[in-house]
Amino acid sequence: MIEILHPYYDAARIAQLTDASRRELVDMWPAALEELRALDALEHVEPGPAPDTLVDFGDPAVIDDRTRYVVIDWRNTVVRMPDAELFYRLKTARNRFLLTTSEQEAWRDATVAVAGLSVGSSALASCALTGARSFHIADSDRLSPTNLNRMTTSICDVGLAKVDIAERRILEGDPYSSVTQFVHGYSTDVADAFLGVATGKPVSVIIEEIDDIAMKIDMRRRARAARIPVVSVTDIGENVMLDIERYDLDPEYPIFHGRGENFSAADAADPVQRLDMAMAIVGDNLTSRMAFSASQVGRSLASWPQLGSTAAMSGGIAAAAARNIVCGRPVMSGRYVLDIERMILAQREYHELQWNELTPDVFAAVFSESTSERPKTSGPLTSE
């Protein structure tokens, strides 16, 4: 989706691009030089030898050699910027000590697989912001106007494939990132490639946010066989449910903590079985407002209810879980719930605002209607 050009080897191409009067040229180097000099002047406090100065900032020839021109066609822009190593140093400078050098390197070298790019797009963006550079992304949908309530994107992107929007966002934040698209979404046909099993290089962690319950279970079965950890989040009204399954540590760990073990892929074809699957996986974690909203899908609601604020929190929590797993921190399998309503509402008001909890008929109503979206498995933070 982009070109990365060297000032010596690609001089003719750079001249052609920058001579065009309609193409904007952005020069990152003035700000980058100032910040790189400031970073070099800082005291070295980490264990091990101090790093050598990366660049002789007084030598224009050296700086030219460490320069790349990045062509971003969809913005009609060329960016003159530091090379991959220097840029990464700048991008992650404010992560230091929150992430150790070895943790930052592990996260940089990891491959993060994200399936489902509604809530998944928030998780993907958070992973990229903290320095992940290699991604597999899967989604078959295009951006619709109603997606704008929870996806940080533009009205200009309506109608574009979600995978393209996601890749653009990653590359604009770090053009040296690697993104592999799965434009038809996750399915059994692409499962081995998406998980990296087909190439013998399994992905480091999976963030699963797909709608299809059968594929949720299929992905976990394959991830368990390949010993790949899986993270998923469910946004439930104001609240967030986080599921962590450390198949890398325990290849016998039960799918969805045992909630998804007794279903076959064929069960999802039967609406009644699909209802049982959803109820077993989500459990009793719906808030009362979410329960009522879910019951209205296909009646007074056109599709599955979600809040952008919860989607953003969900993405950040999923990314934090994935990063801590990759960095070797002691992240345990389990279900965790971030109950925002209980955290921020006065107790009297919290109870007054609760609507009557609905019965499992909530799910029956959802699955009996013909809807454009199906419930996801993602939403309180206490472990079950």
Protein backbone atom coordinates (compact mmCIF):
# COMPACT_ATOMS: atom_id res chain seq x y z
CA MET A 1 0.00 0.00 0.00
CA ILE A 2 3.00 2.31 0.34
CA GLU A 3 6.44 2.79 -1.21
CA ILE A 4 9.57 3.23 0.92
CA LEU A 5 12.36 4.81 -1.11
CA HIS A 6 16.09 5.27 -0.46
CA PRO A 7 17.47 8.73 -1.30
CA TYR A 8 20.41 7.27 -3.29
CA TYR A 9 19.04 4.15 -4.93
CA ASP A 10 15.63 5.61 -5.72
CA ALA A 11 16.66 9.18 -6.51
CA ALA A 12 14.92 9.30 -9.88
CA ARG A 13 11.64 8.04 -8.45
CA ILE A 14 11.85 10.50 -5.53
CA ALA A 15 12.50 13.39 -7.94
CA GLN A 16 9.51 12.34 -10.03
CA LEU A 17 7.24 12.22 -6.99
CA THR A 18 8.40 15.39 -5.27
CA ASP A 19 8.39 17.47 -8.48
CA ALA A 20 4.66 16.91 -8.85
CA SER A 21 3.02 20.13 -7.72
CA ARG A 22 -0.09 18.38 -6.41
CA ARG A 23 1.73 16.00 -4.06
CA GLU A 24 2.42 17.23 -0.53
CA LEU A 25 5.92 16.77 0.92
CA VAL A 26 6.20 16.37 4.70
CA ASP A 27 9.69 16.55 6.20
CA MET A 28 9.89 14.83 9.60
CA TRP A 29 13.60 15.38 10.06
CA PRO A 30 13.65 18.86 11.70
CA ALA A 31 11.52 17.63 14.61
CA ALA A 32 13.21 14.19 14.61
CA LEU A 33 16.71 15.65 14.84
CA GLU A 34 15.78 17.74 17.84
CA GLU A 35 14.28 14.79 19.66
CA LEU A 36 17.07 12.36 18.74
CA ARG A 37 19.67 14.78 20.10
CA ALA A 38 17.65 15.07 23.32
CA LEU A 39 17.46 11.28 23.62
CA ASP A 40 21.22 10.92 23.12
CA ALA A 41 21.84 13.44 25.91
CA LEU A 42 19.86 11.46 28.49
CA GLU A 43 21.52 9.48 31.27
CA HIS A 44 21.78 5.76 30.66
CA VAL A 45 20.34 3.90 33.67
CA GLU A 46 19.43 0.47 32.31
CA PRO A 47 21.67 -2.55 32.95
CA GLY A 48 24.30 -3.27 30.33
CA PRO A 49 26.54 -1.02 28.24
CA ALA A 50 25.27 2.33 27.06
CA PRO A 51 24.20 2.27 23.40
CA ASP A 52 26.44 3.96 20.88
CA THR A 53 25.27 7.18 19.31
CA LEU A 54 23.19 6.06 16.34
CA VAL A 55 23.86 8.97 14.01
CA ASP A 56 26.45 11.68 13.55
CA PHE A 57 23.85 14.40 13.40
CA GLY A 58 26.38 16.93 12.14
CA ASP A 59 27.08 14.99 8.92
CA PRO A 60 24.42 15.58 6.23
CA ALA A 61 25.65 12.56 4.24
CA VAL A 62 25.11 10.24 7.20
CA ILE A 63 21.66 11.66 7.78
CA ASP A 64 20.82 11.21 4.09
CA ASP A 65 21.83 7.57 4.34
CA ARG A 66 19.47 7.13 7.31
CA THR A 67 16.60 8.84 5.46
CA ARG A 68 13.70 7.22 3.65
CA TYR A 69 10.96 8.73 1.52
CA VAL A 70 7.56 7.16 2.24
CA VAL A 71 4.88 7.49 -0.43
CA ILE A 72 1.32 7.43 0.94
CA ASP A 73 -0.86 7.40 -2.14
CA TRP A 74 -4.24 7.65 -0.44
CA ARG A 75 -3.08 10.95 1.11
CA ASN A 76 -1.23 12.05 -2.03
CA THR A 77 1.75 12.67 0.25
CA VAL A 78 5.47 11.91 0.44
CA VAL A 79 7.09 11.88 3.90
CA ARG A 80 10.85 12.37 4.34
CA MET A 81 11.67 10.59 7.57
CA PRO A 82 14.25 8.57 9.53
CA ASP A 83 14.81 4.91 8.66
CA ALA A 84 13.08 2.05 10.47
CA GLU A 85 15.54 1.80 13.37
CA LEU A 86 15.70 5.51 14.14
CA PHE A 87 11.97 5.98 13.72
CA TYR A 88 11.24 3.12 16.12
CA ARG A 89 13.53 4.73 18.68
CA LEU A 90 11.50 7.92 18.43
CA LYS A 91 8.10 6.21 18.40
CA THR A 92 8.81 4.17 21.54
CA ALA A 93 10.85 6.75 23.45
CA ARG A 94 8.03 7.51 25.88
CA ASN A 95 7.42 3.80 26.54
CA ARG A 96 10.78 3.46 28.29
CA PHE A 97 10.83 1.90 31.74
CA LEU A 98 7.11 1.23 31.42
CA LEU A 99 8.46 -1.36 29.00
CA THR A 100 12.01 -2.62 29.39
CA THR A 101 14.24 -2.71 26.33
CA SER A 102 13.86 -6.49 26.03
CA GLU A 103 10.08 -6.25 26.37
CA GLN A 104 9.89 -3.56 23.70
CA GLU A 105 12.02 -5.68 21.37
CA ALA A 106 9.86 -8.75 22.01
CA TRP A 107 6.72 -6.74 21.20
CA ARG A 108 8.33 -5.29 18.08
CA ASP A 109 9.29 -8.74 16.82
CA ALA A 110 5.95 -10.40 17.64
CA THR A 111 3.25 -11.12 15.08
CA VAL A 112 -0.20 -10.17 16.36
CA ALA A 113 -3.21 -11.74 14.64
CA VAL A 114 -6.47 -9.78 14.88
CA ALA A 115 -9.70 -11.27 13.54
CA GLY A 116 -12.76 -9.03 13.41
CA LEU A 117 -12.17 -5.32 12.92
CA SER A 118 -14.98 -3.58 14.73
CA VAL A 119 -13.83 -3.79 18.35
CA GLY A 120 -10.75 -5.49 16.89
CA SER A 121 -9.75 -2.26 15.15
CA SER A 122 -9.36 -0.57 18.55
CA ALA A 123 -7.20 -3.44 19.79
CA LEU A 124 -5.15 -3.33 16.61
CA ALA A 125 -4.58 0.42 16.91
CA SER A 126 -3.50 0.05 20.55
CA CYS A 127 -1.05 -2.72 19.65
CA ALA A 128 0.48 -0.56 16.92
CA LEU A 129 0.66 2.51 19.17
CA THR A 130 2.76 0.62 21.72
CA GLY A 131 5.21 -0.64 19.12
CA ALA A 132 3.97 -3.89 17.62
CA ARG A 133 5.06 -3.99 13.98
CA SER A 134 3.81 -7.23 12.43
CA PHE A 135 0.15 -8.10 11.97
CA HIS A 136 -2.26 -10.57 10.42
CA ILE A 137 -5.70 -8.96 10.07
CA ALA A 138 -8.94 -10.64 8.99
CA ASP A 139 -12.36 -9.19 8.20
CA SER A 140 -14.69 -9.51 5.23
CA ASP A 141 -16.84 -6.42 5.86
CA ARG A 142 -16.84 -2.90 4.48
CA LEU A 143 -17.31 0.19 6.62
CA SER A 144 -20.93 1.24 6.93
CA PRO A 145 -22.30 4.48 8.42
CA THR A 146 -23.54 2.73 11.57
CA ASN A 147 -20.01 1.41 12.21
CA LEU A 148 -18.93 5.01 12.87
CA ASN A 149 -20.30 4.77 16.41
CA ARG A 150 -17.41 2.54 17.49
CA MET A 151 -14.64 2.65 14.87
CA THR A 152 -12.19 5.54 14.89
CA THR A 153 -12.22 6.35 11.22
CA SER A 154 -13.58 8.88 8.75
CA ILE A 155 -16.76 9.47 6.80
CA CYS A 156 -14.44 9.46 3.79
CA ASP A 157 -13.83 5.75 4.42
CA VAL A 158 -17.44 4.57 4.22
CA GLY A 159 -17.62 1.74 1.69
CA LEU A 160 -13.94 0.79 2.04
CA ALA A 161 -12.91 -2.65 3.25
CA LYS A 162 -12.24 -2.67 6.99
CA VAL A 163 -8.92 -4.45 6.40
CA ASP A 164 -7.80 -1.60 4.12
CA ILE A 165 -8.84 1.03 6.65
CA ALA A 166 -6.99 -0.85 9.40
CA GLU A 167 -3.84 -1.26 7.32
CA ARG A 168 -3.82 2.41 6.38
CA ARG A 169 -4.07 3.39 10.03
CA ILE A 170 -1.17 1.12 10.97
CA LEU A 171 1.07 2.29 8.13
CA GLU A 172 0.39 5.96 8.72
CA GLY A 173 1.53 5.44 12.32
CA ASP A 174 4.56 3.33 11.35
CA PRO A 175 5.24 2.74 7.64
CA TYR A 176 7.84 0.10 8.49
CA SER A 177 5.14 -2.22 9.84
CA SER A 178 4.21 -5.47 8.09
CA VAL A 179 0.51 -6.21 7.54
CA THR A 180 -0.93 -9.37 5.99
CA GLN A 181 -4.59 -9.09 5.03
CA PHE A 182 -7.23 -11.82 5.00
CA VAL A 183 -9.91 -10.03 3.03
CA HIS A 184 -12.58 -12.72 3.32
CA GLY A 185 -12.28 -12.90 7.08
CA TYR A 186 -11.35 -15.89 9.19
CA SER A 187 -12.53 -19.28 7.91
CA THR A 188 -11.30 -22.85 7.87
CA ASP A 189 -9.90 -22.20 4.38
CA VAL A 190 -7.41 -19.57 5.63
CA ALA A 191 -7.05 -20.70 9.24
CA ASP A 192 -3.56 -22.17 8.93
CA ALA A 193 -2.26 -19.13 7.07
CA PHE A 194 -3.88 -16.70 9.50
CA LEU A 195 -2.39 -18.52 12.49
CA GLY A 196 0.98 -18.78 10.74
CA VAL A 197 0.93 -22.55 10.99
CA ALA A 198 1.14 -22.96 7.22
CA THR A 199 4.56 -21.25 7.12
CA GLY A 200 5.90 -22.88 10.27
CA LYS A 201 5.94 -19.49 12.01
CA PRO A 202 2.92 -19.38 14.31
CA VAL A 203 1.72 -15.93 15.30
CA SER A 204 2.66 -14.77 18.79
CA VAL A 205 -0.85 -14.02 20.05
CA ILE A 206 -4.40 -13.90 18.67
CA ILE A 207 -6.95 -11.20 19.42
CA GLU A 208 -10.27 -12.73 18.43
CA GLU A 209 -13.27 -10.47 17.77
CA ILE A 210 -15.29 -12.32 15.14
CA ASP A 211 -19.06 -12.75 15.17
CA ASP A 212 -19.38 -16.35 13.98
CA ILE A 213 -19.59 -18.56 17.08
CA ALA A 214 -18.55 -21.70 15.21
CA MET A 215 -15.42 -19.91 13.94
CA LYS A 216 -14.64 -18.65 17.44
CA ILE A 217 -14.50 -22.25 18.61
CA ASP A 218 -12.67 -23.47 15.50
CA MET A 219 -10.00 -20.82 15.96
CA ARG A 220 -9.44 -21.82 19.57
CA ARG A 221 -9.16 -25.50 18.72
CA ARG A 222 -6.49 -24.71 16.15
CA ALA A 223 -4.74 -22.24 18.46
CA ARG A 224 -4.66 -24.83 21.22
CA ALA A 225 -3.12 -27.39 18.87
CA ALA A 226 -0.48 -24.82 17.81
CA ARG A 227 0.02 -23.55 21.40
CA ILE A 228 -0.91 -19.95 20.54
CA PRO A 229 -2.50 -17.79 23.28
CA VAL A 230 -5.90 -16.23 22.55
CA VAL A 231 -7.31 -12.96 23.89
CA SER A 232 -10.85 -11.74 23.30
CA VAL A 233 -13.00 -8.93 24.66
CA THR A 234 -16.75 -8.49 24.73
CA ASP A 235 -18.16 -5.02 25.11
CA ILE A 236 -21.35 -5.31 27.18
CA GLY A 237 -23.01 -1.90 27.38
CA GLU A 238 -20.65 0.17 29.56
CA ASN A 239 -18.75 -2.91 30.72
CA VAL A 240 -15.97 -5.02 29.26
CA MET A 241 -15.42 -8.77 29.55
CA LEU A 242 -11.92 -10.06 28.87
CA ASP A 243 -11.17 -13.72 28.11
CA ILE A 244 -7.58 -14.98 28.19
CA GLU A 245 -6.71 -18.53 27.14
CA ARG A 246 -3.02 -19.40 27.55
CA TYR A 247 -2.80 -22.36 25.21
CA ASP A 248 0.92 -21.64 24.96
CA LEU A 249 1.32 -22.54 28.64
CA ASP A 250 -1.35 -25.21 28.87
CA PRO A 251 -2.25 -27.04 25.62
CA GLU A 252 -5.02 -28.82 27.54
CA TYR A 253 -6.71 -25.62 28.68
CA PRO A 254 -10.47 -25.88 27.94
CA ILE A 255 -11.97 -23.68 25.23
CA PHE A 256 -13.64 -20.60 26.68
CA HIS A 257 -12.67 -21.93 30.12
CA GLY A 258 -14.75 -25.03 29.46
CA ARG A 259 -17.79 -23.18 28.14
CA GLY A 260 -17.12 -24.10 24.50
CA GLU A 261 -15.94 -27.67 24.79
CA ASN A 262 -19.15 -29.53 24.08
CA PHE A 263 -20.11 -27.95 20.76
CA SER A 264 -19.30 -28.96 17.22
CA ALA A 265 -19.09 -26.72 14.18
CA ALA A 266 -22.36 -28.22 12.97
CA ASP A 267 -24.14 -26.96 16.09
CA ALA A 268 -23.89 -23.38 14.87
CA ALA A 269 -26.09 -24.18 11.86
CA ASP A 270 -29.00 -24.88 14.19
CA PRO A 271 -30.53 -21.70 15.72
CA VAL A 272 -31.38 -23.53 18.94
CA GLN A 273 -27.87 -24.91 19.28
CA ARG A 274 -26.44 -21.51 18.37
CA LEU A 275 -28.47 -20.03 21.21
CA ASP A 276 -27.07 -22.63 23.61
CA MET A 277 -23.55 -21.86 22.38
CA ALA A 278 -23.96 -18.13 22.92
CA MET A 279 -25.50 -18.55 26.35
CA ALA A 280 -22.78 -20.97 27.42
CA ILE A 281 -19.98 -18.70 26.24
CA VAL A 282 -21.29 -15.32 27.45
CA GLY A 283 -22.82 -16.70 30.63
CA ASP A 284 -24.61 -14.29 32.97
CA ASN A 285 -22.38 -11.28 32.31
CA LEU A 286 -24.91 -9.14 30.43
CA THR A 287 -25.86 -5.89 32.17
CA SER A 288 -29.58 -5.20 32.43
CA ARG A 289 -29.44 -2.41 29.83
CA MET A 290 -27.45 -4.60 27.48
CA ALA A 291 -29.91 -7.43 27.99
CA PHE A 292 -32.83 -5.21 27.09
CA SER A 293 -30.98 -3.74 24.11
CA ALA A 294 -30.13 -7.21 22.83
CA SER A 295 -33.76 -8.22 23.07
CA GLN A 296 -34.66 -5.32 20.78
CA VAL A 297 -32.41 -6.32 17.88
CA GLY A 298 -34.63 -6.71 14.83
CA ARG A 299 -37.45 -4.96 16.67
CA SER A 300 -36.62 -1.41 17.73
CA LEU A 301 -32.86 -1.81 17.03
CA ALA A 302 -31.43 -2.52 13.59
CA SER A 303 -28.29 -4.31 14.78
CA TRP A 304 -26.21 -5.34 17.77
CA PRO A 305 -25.87 -2.46 20.29
CA GLN A 306 -22.39 -1.15 21.08
CA LEU A 307 -20.87 2.01 22.54
CA GLY A 308 -17.74 3.57 21.08
CA SER A 309 -16.35 4.35 24.54
CA THR A 310 -16.64 0.69 25.52
CA ALA A 311 -15.15 -0.45 22.22
CA ALA A 312 -12.15 1.82 22.84
CA MET A 313 -11.69 0.45 26.38
CA SER A 314 -12.08 -3.08 25.09
CA GLY A 315 -9.39 -2.54 22.49
CA GLY A 316 -6.96 -1.10 25.02
CA ILE A 317 -7.54 -3.95 27.46
CA ALA A 318 -7.12 -6.59 24.73
CA ALA A 319 -3.90 -4.96 23.52
CA ALA A 320 -2.52 -4.74 27.06
CA ALA A 321 -3.26 -8.41 27.66
CA ALA A 322 -1.69 -9.44 24.36
CA ARG A 323 1.43 -7.34 24.95
CA ASN A 324 1.96 -8.63 28.49
CA ILE A 325 1.65 -12.19 27.24
CA VAL A 326 4.23 -11.60 24.51
CA CYS A 327 6.56 -9.84 26.94
CA GLY A 328 6.57 -12.84 29.27
CA ARG A 329 4.72 -11.30 32.19
CA PRO A 330 2.59 -13.58 34.42
CA VAL A 331 -0.76 -13.30 32.64
CA MET A 332 -3.15 -16.05 33.70
CA SER A 333 -5.96 -17.72 31.80
CA GLY A 334 -9.42 -16.71 32.92
CA ARG A 335 -12.39 -14.43 32.47
CA TYR A 336 -12.15 -10.90 33.85
CA VAL A 337 -14.86 -8.24 33.97
CA LEU A 338 -14.40 -4.48 34.12
CA ASP A 339 -17.66 -3.23 35.62
CA ILE A 340 -17.65 0.47 34.76
CA GLU A 341 -21.20 1.05 36.02
CA ARG A 342 -20.39 -0.30 39.46
CA MET A 343 -17.11 1.66 39.53
CA ILE A 344 -18.42 5.12 38.68
CA LEU A 345 -22.12 5.24 39.62
CA ALA A 346 -23.23 6.03 43.16
CA GLN A 347 -24.57 2.85 44.73
CA ARG A 348 -28.10 4.23 45.14
CA GLU A 349 -28.14 5.44 41.56
CA TYR A 350 -26.50 2.26 40.30
CA HIS A 351 -29.35 0.15 41.66
CA GLU A 352 -32.04 2.60 40.58
CA LEU A 353 -30.73 2.61 37.04
CA GLN A 354 -30.80 -1.16 36.74
CA TRP A 355 -33.56 -2.31 34.43
CA ASN A 356 -35.26 -5.60 35.10
CA GLU A 357 -32.85 -8.35 34.17
CA LEU A 358 -34.18 -10.31 31.24
CA THR A 359 -34.23 -14.07 30.91
CA PRO A 360 -32.49 -16.26 28.34
CA ASP A 361 -35.29 -15.11 26.04
CA VAL A 362 -32.89 -12.22 25.31
CA PHE A 363 -30.73 -14.58 23.30
CA ALA A 364 -33.69 -16.32 21.77
CA ALA A 365 -34.96 -12.98 20.48
CA VAL A 366 -31.57 -12.13 19.03
CA PHE A 367 -31.12 -15.44 17.25
CA SER A 368 -34.69 -15.69 16.01
CA GLU A 369 -34.45 -12.41 14.13
CA SER A 370 -32.65 -11.93 10.84
CA THR A 371 -29.96 -9.47 11.84
CA SER A 372 -26.87 -8.12 10.20
CA GLU A 373 -24.65 -8.74 13.23
CA ARG A 374 -24.48 -11.57 15.73
CA PRO A 375 -23.39 -11.24 19.34
CA LYS A 376 -19.69 -11.35 20.01
CA THR A 377 -17.91 -12.90 22.91
CA SER A 378 -16.31 -9.96 24.58
CA GLY A 379 -17.15 -7.49 28.30
CA PRO A 380 -16.55 -6.86 34.39
CA LEU A 381 -12.14 -6.60 36.07
CA THR A 382 -12.70 -9.57 38.44
CA SER A 383 -11.73 -13.10 37.57
CA GLU A 384 -14.32 -15.83 37.33
